[in-house]
Amino acid sequence: MSRHETTNTQTPEAGTPLDRVLNGARRLSRLATWVSGLALVVICFLVMVEVLLRKFFGVTLGGMNEITGYVLAVTVSWTLSFALLEHAHIRIDVLYNIANRRVRALLDLLSLGAMTGFMLLVTYWAGQLLKNSIDFGSRSNSALQVPLWLPQSLWVAGLVFFVLTLLLLCLRSLGYLWRRDTEGISRIAGIKPVDDEVEEHAMLTDLNHARQG
């Protein structure tokens, strides 16, 4: 039996309502990541145009530093969920790799709970910042005079989506914990297996060779 077949047999509950919500969150996070990537490409192009205009014509588009900051903040917040669902967040795995399955599951739960608690605080204070900007009609201290609630609302929305994704994973992990399914916990909240990373690296290497060939 292949590794993919084994994974499929380990997820018989893939059709439960909570799993369907998680699948929807995964699709939305993937879409948000593509849009964020496109936004970064556009802003990089505009920065390049700005540099060339300054170099050869002595003119400027104006406000590019400010706009770049807004785009970076918003794209980061909206891509956090994708990184979480794809197990791409950095975790220290020195002790993790030598622990047994039950200890790994416990560490996965602790890390997920710690991240959820931290992000709840971050999102709360980000919401307070947005509220203050709306109440006081705050604008950026620049020539653009951008109403700060515009970029801040997009930023906070990304953080809220990330927190909701974390809460969904916590609920799913608690369900696995209730059934004492340590493999299920590690599958959705654990560190990506080394075999998966090796396979992804091999696929990228093959793709690069195909393009160069």
N, C-alpha and C. Protein backbone atom coordinates (compact mmCIF):
# COMPACT_ATOMS: atom_id res chain seq x y z
N MET A 1 0.84 -1.19 0.00
CA MET A 1 0.00 0.00 0.00
C MET A 1 0.88 1.25 0.00
N SER A 2 0.58 2.22 -0.86
CA SER A 2 1.39 3.43 -0.96
C SER A 2 1.09 4.35 0.21
N ARG A 3 1.95 5.39 0.33
CA ARG A 3 1.78 6.33 1.42
C ARG A 3 0.48 7.09 1.29
N HIS A 4 0.09 7.42 0.05
CA HIS A 4 -1.14 8.17 -0.15
C HIS A 4 -2.35 7.32 0.18
N GLU A 5 -2.29 6.03 -0.14
CA GLU A 5 -3.40 5.15 0.18
C GLU A 5 -3.53 5.00 1.69
N THR A 6 -2.41 4.96 2.38
CA THR A 6 -2.45 4.87 3.84
C THR A 6 -3.10 6.10 4.44
N THR A 7 -2.75 7.29 3.90
CA THR A 7 -3.32 8.52 4.41
C THR A 7 -4.82 8.55 4.22
N ASN A 8 -5.29 8.07 3.06
CA ASN A 8 -6.71 8.08 2.80
C ASN A 8 -7.47 7.17 3.75
N THR A 9 -6.90 6.04 4.09
CA THR A 9 -7.58 5.12 4.97
C THR A 9 -7.59 5.63 6.40
N GLN A 10 -6.74 6.61 6.71
CA GLN A 10 -6.69 7.15 8.05
C GLN A 10 -7.68 8.29 8.26
N THR A 11 -8.39 8.70 7.21
CA THR A 11 -9.31 9.81 7.33
C THR A 11 -10.71 9.41 6.88
N PRO A 12 -11.34 8.41 7.51
CA PRO A 12 -12.67 8.01 7.12
C PRO A 12 -13.71 9.05 7.43
N GLU A 13 -13.38 10.03 8.34
CA GLU A 13 -14.34 11.03 8.72
C GLU A 13 -14.22 12.28 7.86
N ALA A 14 -13.62 12.16 6.68
CA ALA A 14 -13.38 13.33 5.84
C ALA A 14 -14.67 14.00 5.41
N GLY A 15 -15.82 13.31 5.54
CA GLY A 15 -17.08 13.90 5.12
C GLY A 15 -17.87 14.52 6.24
N THR A 16 -17.35 14.61 7.44
CA THR A 16 -18.06 15.22 8.56
C THR A 16 -18.21 16.72 8.33
N PRO A 17 -19.22 17.36 8.96
CA PRO A 17 -19.41 18.81 8.76
C PRO A 17 -18.18 19.63 9.09
N LEU A 18 -17.50 19.29 10.19
CA LEU A 18 -16.31 20.05 10.57
C LEU A 18 -15.20 19.92 9.54
N ASP A 19 -15.06 18.71 8.99
CA ASP A 19 -14.04 18.52 7.95
C ASP A 19 -14.39 19.29 6.68
N ARG A 20 -15.68 19.35 6.37
CA ARG A 20 -16.09 20.12 5.20
C ARG A 20 -15.82 21.61 5.39
N VAL A 21 -16.03 22.09 6.62
CA VAL A 21 -15.70 23.50 6.90
C VAL A 21 -14.20 23.73 6.78
N LEU A 22 -13.41 22.79 7.29
CA LEU A 22 -11.96 22.90 7.16
C LEU A 22 -11.52 22.88 5.70
N ASN A 23 -12.16 22.05 4.90
CA ASN A 23 -11.83 22.01 3.48
C ASN A 23 -12.17 23.35 2.81
N GLY A 24 -13.30 23.94 3.23
CA GLY A 24 -13.65 25.25 2.71
C GLY A 24 -12.63 26.31 3.12
N ALA A 25 -12.18 26.24 4.38
CA ALA A 25 -11.14 27.17 4.84
C ALA A 25 -9.86 26.97 4.06
N ARG A 26 -9.53 25.72 3.74
CA ARG A 26 -8.32 25.45 2.97
C ARG A 26 -8.43 26.04 1.56
N ARG A 27 -9.60 25.91 0.94
CA ARG A 27 -9.77 26.48 -0.41
C ARG A 27 -9.69 28.01 -0.37
N LEU A 28 -10.33 28.60 0.65
CA LEU A 28 -10.29 30.05 0.76
C LEU A 28 -8.87 30.54 1.03
N SER A 29 -8.14 29.82 1.88
CA SER A 29 -6.76 30.22 2.17
C SER A 29 -5.88 30.11 0.93
N ARG A 30 -6.14 29.09 0.12
CA ARG A 30 -5.35 28.95 -1.11
C ARG A 30 -5.64 30.10 -2.07
N LEU A 31 -6.92 30.46 -2.19
CA LEU A 31 -7.29 31.59 -3.05
C LEU A 31 -6.66 32.88 -2.54
N ALA A 32 -6.73 33.08 -1.21
CA ALA A 32 -6.14 34.29 -0.62
C ALA A 32 -4.63 34.34 -0.87
N THR A 33 -3.99 33.18 -0.86
CA THR A 33 -2.55 33.14 -1.11
C THR A 33 -2.22 33.51 -2.54
N TRP A 34 -3.01 33.02 -3.48
CA TRP A 34 -2.80 33.38 -4.88
C TRP A 34 -3.01 34.89 -5.09
N VAL A 35 -4.07 35.43 -4.51
CA VAL A 35 -4.33 36.86 -4.65
C VAL A 35 -3.21 37.67 -4.00
N SER A 36 -2.75 37.21 -2.83
CA SER A 36 -1.66 37.90 -2.15
C SER A 36 -0.38 37.87 -2.97
N GLY A 37 -0.11 36.71 -3.56
CA GLY A 37 1.07 36.60 -4.41
C GLY A 37 1.00 37.54 -5.60
N LEU A 38 -0.19 37.62 -6.21
CA LEU A 38 -0.38 38.53 -7.33
C LEU A 38 -0.19 39.98 -6.89
N ALA A 39 -0.70 40.32 -5.72
CA ALA A 39 -0.55 41.68 -5.20
C ALA A 39 0.92 42.02 -4.98
N LEU A 40 1.69 41.05 -4.48
CA LEU A 40 3.13 41.29 -4.26
C LEU A 40 3.87 41.46 -5.59
N VAL A 41 3.47 40.69 -6.60
CA VAL A 41 4.09 40.85 -7.91
C VAL A 41 3.81 42.23 -8.47
N VAL A 42 2.56 42.68 -8.33
CA VAL A 42 2.19 44.01 -8.83
C VAL A 42 2.96 45.10 -8.10
N ILE A 43 3.06 44.97 -6.77
CA ILE A 43 3.75 46.01 -6.01
C ILE A 43 5.25 46.01 -6.32
N CYS A 44 5.81 44.83 -6.58
CA CYS A 44 7.23 44.78 -6.98
C CYS A 44 7.44 45.47 -8.32
N PHE A 45 6.50 45.27 -9.24
CA PHE A 45 6.58 45.94 -10.55
C PHE A 45 6.50 47.45 -10.39
N LEU A 46 5.59 47.91 -9.53
CA LEU A 46 5.45 49.35 -9.32
C LEU A 46 6.69 49.95 -8.66
N VAL A 47 7.29 49.20 -7.75
CA VAL A 47 8.52 49.68 -7.13
C VAL A 47 9.63 49.79 -8.16
N MET A 48 9.70 48.80 -9.06
CA MET A 48 10.71 48.86 -10.12
C MET A 48 10.49 50.08 -11.01
N VAL A 49 9.23 50.34 -11.36
CA VAL A 49 8.92 51.53 -12.17
C VAL A 49 9.31 52.79 -11.44
N GLU A 50 9.03 52.81 -10.12
CA GLU A 50 9.40 53.97 -9.30
C GLU A 50 10.90 54.22 -9.34
N VAL A 51 11.68 53.17 -9.20
CA VAL A 51 13.14 53.30 -9.20
C VAL A 51 13.63 53.82 -10.55
N LEU A 52 13.10 53.27 -11.63
CA LEU A 52 13.52 53.70 -12.96
C LEU A 52 13.14 55.15 -13.24
N LEU A 53 11.94 55.54 -12.81
CA LEU A 53 11.52 56.92 -13.03
C LEU A 53 12.40 57.89 -12.27
N ARG A 54 12.76 57.51 -11.04
CA ARG A 54 13.64 58.38 -10.26
C ARG A 54 15.03 58.46 -10.88
N LYS A 55 15.51 57.31 -11.38
CA LYS A 55 16.87 57.26 -11.91
C LYS A 55 17.02 58.05 -13.20
N PHE A 56 16.07 57.88 -14.12
CA PHE A 56 16.26 58.44 -15.46
C PHE A 56 15.46 59.71 -15.72
N PHE A 57 14.40 59.96 -14.95
CA PHE A 57 13.56 61.13 -15.24
C PHE A 57 13.39 62.06 -14.04
N GLY A 58 13.88 61.63 -12.87
CA GLY A 58 13.79 62.48 -11.70
C GLY A 58 12.38 62.72 -11.19
N VAL A 59 11.47 61.81 -11.51
CA VAL A 59 10.09 61.93 -11.03
C VAL A 59 9.75 60.72 -10.17
N THR A 60 8.65 60.82 -9.44
CA THR A 60 8.26 59.74 -8.55
C THR A 60 6.76 59.51 -8.62
N LEU A 61 6.34 58.29 -8.39
CA LEU A 61 4.92 57.97 -8.36
C LEU A 61 4.27 58.52 -7.09
N GLY A 62 5.04 58.57 -6.01
CA GLY A 62 4.52 59.12 -4.77
C GLY A 62 3.78 58.09 -3.92
N GLY A 63 4.22 57.97 -2.67
CA GLY A 63 3.52 57.09 -1.73
C GLY A 63 3.78 55.62 -1.88
N MET A 64 4.80 55.23 -2.67
CA MET A 64 5.04 53.80 -2.88
C MET A 64 5.49 53.11 -1.60
N ASN A 65 6.27 53.79 -0.79
CA ASN A 65 6.70 53.19 0.49
C ASN A 65 5.50 52.87 1.36
N GLU A 66 4.58 53.80 1.41
CA GLU A 66 3.37 53.61 2.23
C GLU A 66 2.50 52.48 1.69
N ILE A 67 2.27 52.49 0.40
CA ILE A 67 1.42 51.46 -0.22
C ILE A 67 2.06 50.09 -0.06
N THR A 68 3.38 50.01 -0.22
CA THR A 68 4.08 48.74 -0.05
C THR A 68 3.89 48.19 1.35
N GLY A 69 3.95 49.05 2.35
CA GLY A 69 3.73 48.61 3.72
C GLY A 69 2.34 48.06 3.93
N TYR A 70 1.33 48.72 3.37
CA TYR A 70 -0.03 48.23 3.49
C TYR A 70 -0.20 46.86 2.84
N VAL A 71 0.34 46.74 1.62
CA VAL A 71 0.21 45.48 0.89
C VAL A 71 0.90 44.35 1.63
N LEU A 72 2.07 44.63 2.16
CA LEU A 72 2.82 43.59 2.88
C LEU A 72 2.05 43.13 4.12
N ALA A 73 1.51 44.08 4.89
CA ALA A 73 0.77 43.71 6.10
C ALA A 73 -0.47 42.89 5.77
N VAL A 74 -1.21 43.29 4.76
CA VAL A 74 -2.44 42.59 4.40
C VAL A 74 -2.15 41.20 3.84
N THR A 75 -1.16 41.10 2.97
CA THR A 75 -0.86 39.79 2.38
C THR A 75 -0.33 38.81 3.42
N VAL A 76 0.45 39.30 4.38
CA VAL A 76 0.94 38.41 5.44
C VAL A 76 -0.23 37.85 6.24
N SER A 77 -1.17 38.71 6.64
CA SER A 77 -2.28 38.25 7.47
C SER A 77 -3.15 37.25 6.73
N TRP A 78 -3.32 37.42 5.43
CA TRP A 78 -4.21 36.53 4.67
C TRP A 78 -3.53 35.23 4.23
N THR A 79 -2.22 35.14 4.37
CA THR A 79 -1.53 33.90 3.99
C THR A 79 -1.14 33.06 5.21
N LEU A 80 -1.40 33.55 6.41
CA LEU A 80 -1.08 32.78 7.61
C LEU A 80 -1.86 31.47 7.67
N SER A 81 -3.13 31.50 7.28
CA SER A 81 -3.96 30.30 7.35
C SER A 81 -3.46 29.22 6.40
N PHE A 82 -3.05 29.63 5.21
CA PHE A 82 -2.54 28.65 4.25
C PHE A 82 -1.28 27.99 4.78
N ALA A 83 -0.38 28.80 5.36
CA ALA A 83 0.85 28.25 5.93
C ALA A 83 0.52 27.28 7.06
N LEU A 84 -0.48 27.61 7.86
CA LEU A 84 -0.87 26.73 8.96
C LEU A 84 -1.41 25.41 8.44
N LEU A 85 -2.33 25.46 7.49
CA LEU A 85 -2.95 24.25 6.98
C LEU A 85 -1.96 23.38 6.19
N GLU A 86 -0.93 24.00 5.64
CA GLU A 86 0.08 23.26 4.90
C GLU A 86 1.29 22.90 5.77
N HIS A 87 1.19 23.12 7.08
CA HIS A 87 2.27 22.79 8.03
C HIS A 87 3.58 23.50 7.66
N ALA A 88 3.46 24.75 7.24
CA ALA A 88 4.64 25.48 6.78
C ALA A 88 5.21 26.42 7.84
N HIS A 89 4.54 26.58 8.96
CA HIS A 89 5.08 27.43 10.02
C HIS A 89 6.31 26.76 10.64
N ILE A 90 7.25 27.58 11.03
CA ILE A 90 8.51 27.08 11.59
C ILE A 90 8.28 26.60 13.02
N ARG A 91 8.71 25.38 13.30
CA ARG A 91 8.67 24.83 14.65
C ARG A 91 10.00 24.14 14.94
N ILE A 92 10.43 24.23 16.19
CA ILE A 92 11.67 23.59 16.61
C ILE A 92 11.36 22.11 16.88
N ASP A 93 12.01 21.21 16.14
CA ASP A 93 11.64 19.80 16.21
C ASP A 93 12.76 18.91 16.75
N VAL A 94 13.70 19.50 17.53
CA VAL A 94 14.82 18.70 18.04
C VAL A 94 14.30 17.59 18.96
N LEU A 95 13.49 17.96 19.95
CA LEU A 95 12.92 16.97 20.86
C LEU A 95 11.73 16.26 20.24
N TYR A 96 11.04 16.94 19.37
CA TYR A 96 9.84 16.38 18.74
C TYR A 96 10.15 15.10 17.98
N ASN A 97 11.24 15.09 17.26
CA ASN A 97 11.57 13.95 16.41
C ASN A 97 11.98 12.71 17.19
N ILE A 98 12.42 12.90 18.44
CA ILE A 98 12.85 11.74 19.21
C ILE A 98 11.77 11.28 20.20
N ALA A 99 10.64 12.00 20.24
CA ALA A 99 9.56 11.63 21.16
C ALA A 99 8.70 10.54 20.54
N ASN A 100 7.95 9.83 21.40
CA ASN A 100 7.03 8.82 20.90
C ASN A 100 5.76 9.49 20.39
N ARG A 101 4.87 8.67 19.86
CA ARG A 101 3.68 9.19 19.18
C ARG A 101 2.79 9.99 20.12
N ARG A 102 2.59 9.51 21.35
CA ARG A 102 1.71 10.20 22.28
C ARG A 102 2.29 11.55 22.70
N VAL A 103 3.59 11.58 22.94
CA VAL A 103 4.23 12.85 23.32
C VAL A 103 4.16 13.84 22.16
N ARG A 104 4.34 13.35 20.94
CA ARG A 104 4.23 14.23 19.78
C ARG A 104 2.84 14.83 19.69
N ALA A 105 1.82 14.00 19.90
CA ALA A 105 0.45 14.50 19.83
C ALA A 105 0.22 15.56 20.90
N LEU A 106 0.77 15.35 22.10
CA LEU A 106 0.64 16.33 23.17
C LEU A 106 1.33 17.63 22.80
N LEU A 107 2.52 17.54 22.24
CA LEU A 107 3.24 18.74 21.81
C LEU A 107 2.49 19.47 20.71
N ASP A 108 1.87 18.70 19.81
CA ASP A 108 1.07 19.32 18.74
C ASP A 108 -0.09 20.10 19.32
N LEU A 109 -0.78 19.51 20.30
CA LEU A 109 -1.90 20.20 20.93
C LEU A 109 -1.44 21.45 21.67
N LEU A 110 -0.33 21.35 22.38
CA LEU A 110 0.19 22.50 23.11
C LEU A 110 0.58 23.63 22.17
N SER A 111 1.24 23.29 21.08
CA SER A 111 1.67 24.32 20.13
C SER A 111 0.46 24.98 19.47
N LEU A 112 -0.55 24.16 19.13
CA LEU A 112 -1.75 24.71 18.51
C LEU A 112 -2.50 25.60 19.48
N GLY A 113 -2.61 25.16 20.74
CA GLY A 113 -3.28 25.98 21.74
C GLY A 113 -2.54 27.27 22.03
N ALA A 114 -1.21 27.21 22.10
CA ALA A 114 -0.41 28.41 22.36
C ALA A 114 -0.54 29.41 21.21
N MET A 115 -0.51 28.91 19.99
CA MET A 115 -0.65 29.81 18.84
C MET A 115 -2.04 30.44 18.82
N THR A 116 -3.06 29.64 19.16
CA THR A 116 -4.42 30.17 19.18
C THR A 116 -4.56 31.28 20.23
N GLY A 117 -4.04 31.02 21.44
CA GLY A 117 -4.11 32.04 22.48
C GLY A 117 -3.37 33.31 22.11
N PHE A 118 -2.19 33.15 21.53
CA PHE A 118 -1.41 34.32 21.13
C PHE A 118 -2.13 35.13 20.05
N MET A 119 -2.68 34.42 19.05
CA MET A 119 -3.33 35.12 17.96
C MET A 119 -4.65 35.75 18.38
N LEU A 120 -5.32 35.18 19.37
CA LEU A 120 -6.52 35.83 19.91
C LEU A 120 -6.18 37.19 20.49
N LEU A 121 -5.06 37.26 21.22
CA LEU A 121 -4.62 38.54 21.77
C LEU A 121 -4.24 39.52 20.67
N VAL A 122 -3.46 39.03 19.70
CA VAL A 122 -3.03 39.91 18.60
C VAL A 122 -4.24 40.45 17.84
N THR A 123 -5.19 39.57 17.55
CA THR A 123 -6.36 39.99 16.78
C THR A 123 -7.24 40.94 17.57
N TYR A 124 -7.35 40.72 18.88
CA TYR A 124 -8.14 41.63 19.72
C TYR A 124 -7.57 43.04 19.67
N TRP A 125 -6.26 43.17 19.88
CA TRP A 125 -5.66 44.49 19.90
C TRP A 125 -5.62 45.11 18.50
N ALA A 126 -5.52 44.27 17.48
CA ALA A 126 -5.62 44.79 16.11
C ALA A 126 -7.02 45.35 15.87
N GLY A 127 -8.03 44.66 16.39
CA GLY A 127 -9.40 45.16 16.28
C GLY A 127 -9.59 46.47 17.02
N GLN A 128 -8.95 46.59 18.19
CA GLN A 128 -9.02 47.84 18.94
C GLN A 128 -8.37 48.98 18.17
N LEU A 129 -7.26 48.68 17.51
CA LEU A 129 -6.59 49.69 16.69
C LEU A 129 -7.50 50.14 15.54
N LEU A 130 -8.15 49.19 14.90
CA LEU A 130 -9.09 49.51 13.82
C LEU A 130 -10.25 50.36 14.35
N LYS A 131 -10.77 49.98 15.49
CA LYS A 131 -11.89 50.73 16.09
C LYS A 131 -11.48 52.18 16.37
N ASN A 132 -10.29 52.38 16.91
CA ASN A 132 -9.82 53.73 17.20
C ASN A 132 -9.65 54.55 15.91
N SER A 133 -9.15 53.89 14.87
CA SER A 133 -8.97 54.59 13.59
C SER A 133 -10.31 55.03 13.02
N ILE A 134 -11.34 54.20 13.18
CA ILE A 134 -12.68 54.56 12.70
C ILE A 134 -13.27 55.67 13.55
N ASP A 135 -13.15 55.53 14.88
CA ASP A 135 -13.75 56.52 15.78
C ASP A 135 -13.14 57.90 15.60
N PHE A 136 -11.83 57.96 15.39
CA PHE A 136 -11.15 59.26 15.30
C PHE A 136 -10.92 59.71 13.86
N GLY A 137 -11.37 58.89 12.89
CA GLY A 137 -11.17 59.27 11.49
C GLY A 137 -9.71 59.43 11.13
N SER A 138 -8.86 58.54 11.64
CA SER A 138 -7.41 58.66 11.45
C SER A 138 -7.03 58.49 9.99
N ARG A 139 -6.07 59.30 9.58
CA ARG A 139 -5.50 59.21 8.24
C ARG A 139 -3.99 59.10 8.33
N SER A 140 -3.40 58.56 7.28
CA SER A 140 -1.94 58.41 7.29
C SER A 140 -1.28 59.77 7.25
N ASN A 141 -0.14 59.88 7.93
CA ASN A 141 0.61 61.14 7.99
C ASN A 141 1.53 61.23 6.78
N SER A 142 0.89 61.36 5.62
CA SER A 142 1.63 61.42 4.36
C SER A 142 0.83 62.23 3.35
N ALA A 143 1.41 62.36 2.16
CA ALA A 143 0.72 63.12 1.12
C ALA A 143 -0.54 62.41 0.65
N LEU A 144 -0.58 61.08 0.77
CA LEU A 144 -1.76 60.33 0.32
C LEU A 144 -2.95 60.53 1.24
N GLN A 145 -2.70 60.77 2.52
CA GLN A 145 -3.79 60.94 3.49
C GLN A 145 -4.80 59.78 3.42
N VAL A 146 -4.29 58.56 3.44
CA VAL A 146 -5.14 57.37 3.34
C VAL A 146 -5.93 57.18 4.63
N PRO A 147 -7.25 57.02 4.57
CA PRO A 147 -8.00 56.66 5.78
C PRO A 147 -7.50 55.31 6.30
N LEU A 148 -6.98 55.29 7.51
CA LEU A 148 -6.29 54.09 8.00
C LEU A 148 -7.21 52.90 8.17
N TRP A 149 -8.52 53.15 8.27
CA TRP A 149 -9.41 52.01 8.44
C TRP A 149 -9.45 51.13 7.19
N LEU A 150 -9.10 51.68 6.03
CA LEU A 150 -9.15 50.88 4.80
C LEU A 150 -8.12 49.75 4.82
N PRO A 151 -6.81 50.04 4.94
CA PRO A 151 -5.85 48.92 5.00
C PRO A 151 -5.97 48.12 6.29
N GLN A 152 -6.33 48.79 7.39
CA GLN A 152 -6.42 48.08 8.65
C GLN A 152 -7.56 47.07 8.66
N SER A 153 -8.67 47.38 8.00
CA SER A 153 -9.80 46.45 7.96
C SER A 153 -9.43 45.18 7.19
N LEU A 154 -8.69 45.33 6.09
CA LEU A 154 -8.23 44.16 5.34
C LEU A 154 -7.24 43.34 6.16
N TRP A 155 -6.38 44.04 6.87
CA TRP A 155 -5.39 43.38 7.74
C TRP A 155 -6.07 42.60 8.86
N VAL A 156 -7.02 43.23 9.53
CA VAL A 156 -7.72 42.58 10.63
C VAL A 156 -8.56 41.41 10.12
N ALA A 157 -9.16 41.56 8.94
CA ALA A 157 -9.95 40.48 8.38
C ALA A 157 -9.10 39.23 8.16
N GLY A 158 -7.87 39.42 7.69
CA GLY A 158 -6.96 38.29 7.52
C GLY A 158 -6.62 37.63 8.84
N LEU A 159 -6.41 38.45 9.89
CA LEU A 159 -6.12 37.90 11.21
C LEU A 159 -7.32 37.13 11.76
N VAL A 160 -8.52 37.67 11.56
CA VAL A 160 -9.73 36.98 12.02
C VAL A 160 -9.87 35.63 11.32
N PHE A 161 -9.61 35.60 10.03
CA PHE A 161 -9.68 34.33 9.30
C PHE A 161 -8.66 33.33 9.84
N PHE A 162 -7.49 33.81 10.18
CA PHE A 162 -6.47 32.93 10.75
C PHE A 162 -6.91 32.38 12.10
N VAL A 163 -7.49 33.22 12.93
CA VAL A 163 -7.97 32.77 14.24
C VAL A 163 -9.09 31.74 14.08
N LEU A 164 -10.01 31.98 13.15
CA LEU A 164 -11.08 31.02 12.91
C LEU A 164 -10.53 29.68 12.45
N THR A 165 -9.51 29.73 11.61
CA THR A 165 -8.87 28.49 11.15
C THR A 165 -8.22 27.76 12.33
N LEU A 166 -7.57 28.50 13.20
CA LEU A 166 -6.96 27.90 14.38
C LEU A 166 -8.02 27.25 15.27
N LEU A 167 -9.14 27.94 15.47
CA LEU A 167 -10.20 27.39 16.32
C LEU A 167 -10.79 26.12 15.70
N LEU A 168 -10.94 26.10 14.39
CA LEU A 168 -11.43 24.89 13.72
C LEU A 168 -10.47 23.73 13.93
N LEU A 169 -9.18 23.99 13.80
CA LEU A 169 -8.20 22.93 14.01
C LEU A 169 -8.19 22.47 15.47
N CYS A 170 -8.39 23.41 16.40
CA CYS A 170 -8.47 23.03 17.81
C CYS A 170 -9.65 22.10 18.06
N LEU A 171 -10.81 22.44 17.49
CA LEU A 171 -11.99 21.59 17.66
C LEU A 171 -11.76 20.22 17.05
N ARG A 172 -11.14 20.19 15.88
CA ARG A 172 -10.90 18.90 15.23
C ARG A 172 -9.90 18.08 16.04
N SER A 173 -8.89 18.75 16.58
CA SER A 173 -7.90 18.05 17.39
C SER A 173 -8.51 17.50 18.67
N LEU A 174 -9.43 18.26 19.28
CA LEU A 174 -10.10 17.77 20.48
C LEU A 174 -10.96 16.54 20.17
N GLY A 175 -11.54 16.54 18.97
CA GLY A 175 -12.29 15.36 18.55
C GLY A 175 -11.40 14.14 18.44
N TYR A 176 -10.23 14.32 17.87
CA TYR A 176 -9.26 13.22 17.80
C TYR A 176 -8.79 12.81 19.19
N LEU A 177 -8.60 13.81 20.07
CA LEU A 177 -8.17 13.50 21.43
C LEU A 177 -9.22 12.68 22.16
N TRP A 178 -10.49 13.02 21.97
CA TRP A 178 -11.58 12.27 22.60
C TRP A 178 -11.57 10.81 22.17
N ARG A 179 -11.19 10.58 20.91
CA ARG A 179 -11.12 9.21 20.39
C ARG A 179 -9.75 8.59 20.59
N ARG A 180 -8.83 9.36 21.22
CA ARG A 180 -7.47 8.90 21.46
C ARG A 180 -6.75 8.55 20.16
N ASP A 181 -7.03 9.35 19.15
CA ASP A 181 -6.41 9.16 17.84
C ASP A 181 -5.22 10.11 17.73
N THR A 182 -4.07 9.64 18.19
CA THR A 182 -2.87 10.49 18.17
C THR A 182 -2.40 10.76 16.74
N GLU A 183 -2.61 9.80 15.85
CA GLU A 183 -2.20 10.02 14.46
C GLU A 183 -3.03 11.13 13.83
N GLY A 184 -4.33 11.18 14.16
CA GLY A 184 -5.18 12.24 13.63
C GLY A 184 -4.73 13.61 14.09
N ILE A 185 -4.34 13.72 15.37
CA ILE A 185 -3.86 14.99 15.89
C ILE A 185 -2.60 15.43 15.16
N SER A 186 -1.66 14.52 15.02
CA SER A 186 -0.41 14.86 14.35
C SER A 186 -0.63 15.18 12.88
N ARG A 187 -1.63 14.55 12.28
CA ARG A 187 -1.88 14.76 10.86
C ARG A 187 -2.34 16.18 10.57
N ILE A 188 -3.16 16.76 11.46
CA ILE A 188 -3.68 18.09 11.17
C ILE A 188 -2.95 19.20 11.94
N ALA A 189 -2.24 18.84 13.00
CA ALA A 189 -1.59 19.87 13.82
C ALA A 189 -0.10 19.65 13.99
N GLY A 190 0.42 18.59 13.43
CA GLY A 190 1.82 18.26 13.64
C GLY A 190 2.74 18.85 12.60
N ILE A 191 4.00 18.52 12.75
CA ILE A 191 5.02 18.94 11.79
C ILE A 191 4.96 18.04 10.57
N LYS A 192 5.17 18.64 9.41
CA LYS A 192 5.12 17.87 8.18
C LYS A 192 6.17 16.77 8.20
N PRO A 193 5.78 15.51 7.89
CA PRO A 193 6.75 14.42 7.90
C PRO A 193 7.91 14.66 6.96
N VAL A 194 9.07 14.13 7.33
CA VAL A 194 10.27 14.31 6.51
C VAL A 194 10.06 13.72 5.12
N ASP A 195 9.34 12.58 5.02
CA ASP A 195 9.10 11.97 3.71
C ASP A 195 8.35 12.92 2.79
N ASP A 196 7.37 13.67 3.35
CA ASP A 196 6.63 14.61 2.53
C ASP A 196 7.52 15.75 2.04
N GLU A 197 8.40 16.23 2.92
CA GLU A 197 9.31 17.31 2.52
C GLU A 197 10.27 16.83 1.43
N VAL A 198 10.77 15.60 1.58
CA VAL A 198 11.68 15.06 0.57
C VAL A 198 10.96 14.90 -0.76
N GLU A 199 9.71 14.43 -0.70
CA GLU A 199 8.94 14.24 -1.93
C GLU A 199 8.66 15.57 -2.61
N GLU A 200 8.31 16.62 -1.82
CA GLU A 200 8.06 17.93 -2.40
C GLU A 200 9.33 18.49 -3.04
N HIS A 201 10.47 18.29 -2.35
CA HIS A 201 11.73 18.78 -2.91
C HIS A 201 12.05 18.06 -4.21
N ALA A 202 11.79 16.75 -4.26
CA ALA A 202 12.05 15.99 -5.48
C ALA A 202 11.15 16.46 -6.62
N MET A 203 9.88 16.75 -6.30
CA MET A 203 8.95 17.22 -7.33
C MET A 203 9.39 18.57 -7.88
N LEU A 204 9.83 19.48 -6.98
CA LEU A 204 10.30 20.78 -7.44
C LEU A 204 11.56 20.65 -8.29
N THR A 205 12.44 19.74 -7.89
CA THR A 205 13.66 19.52 -8.67
C THR A 205 13.33 18.99 -10.06
N ASP A 206 12.41 18.02 -10.13
CA ASP A 206 12.00 17.50 -11.43
C ASP A 206 11.36 18.57 -12.30
N LEU A 207 10.55 19.44 -11.66
CA LEU A 207 9.90 20.50 -12.40
C LEU A 207 10.91 21.48 -12.97
N ASN A 208 11.91 21.83 -12.17
CA ASN A 208 12.95 22.74 -12.64
C ASN A 208 13.75 22.13 -13.79
N HIS A 209 14.05 20.83 -13.67
CA HIS A 209 14.77 20.17 -14.75
C HIS A 209 13.93 20.13 -16.03
N ALA A 210 12.64 19.91 -15.88
CA ALA A 210 11.76 19.88 -17.06
C ALA A 210 11.71 21.24 -17.75
N ARG A 211 11.68 22.31 -16.94
CA ARG A 211 11.65 23.64 -17.52
C ARG A 211 12.95 23.98 -18.21
N GLN A 212 14.06 23.58 -17.60
CA GLN A 212 15.36 23.86 -18.20
C GLN A 212 15.62 23.02 -19.43
N GLY A 213 15.01 21.81 -19.46
CA GLY A 213 15.20 20.94 -20.60
C GLY A 213 14.35 21.36 -21.77
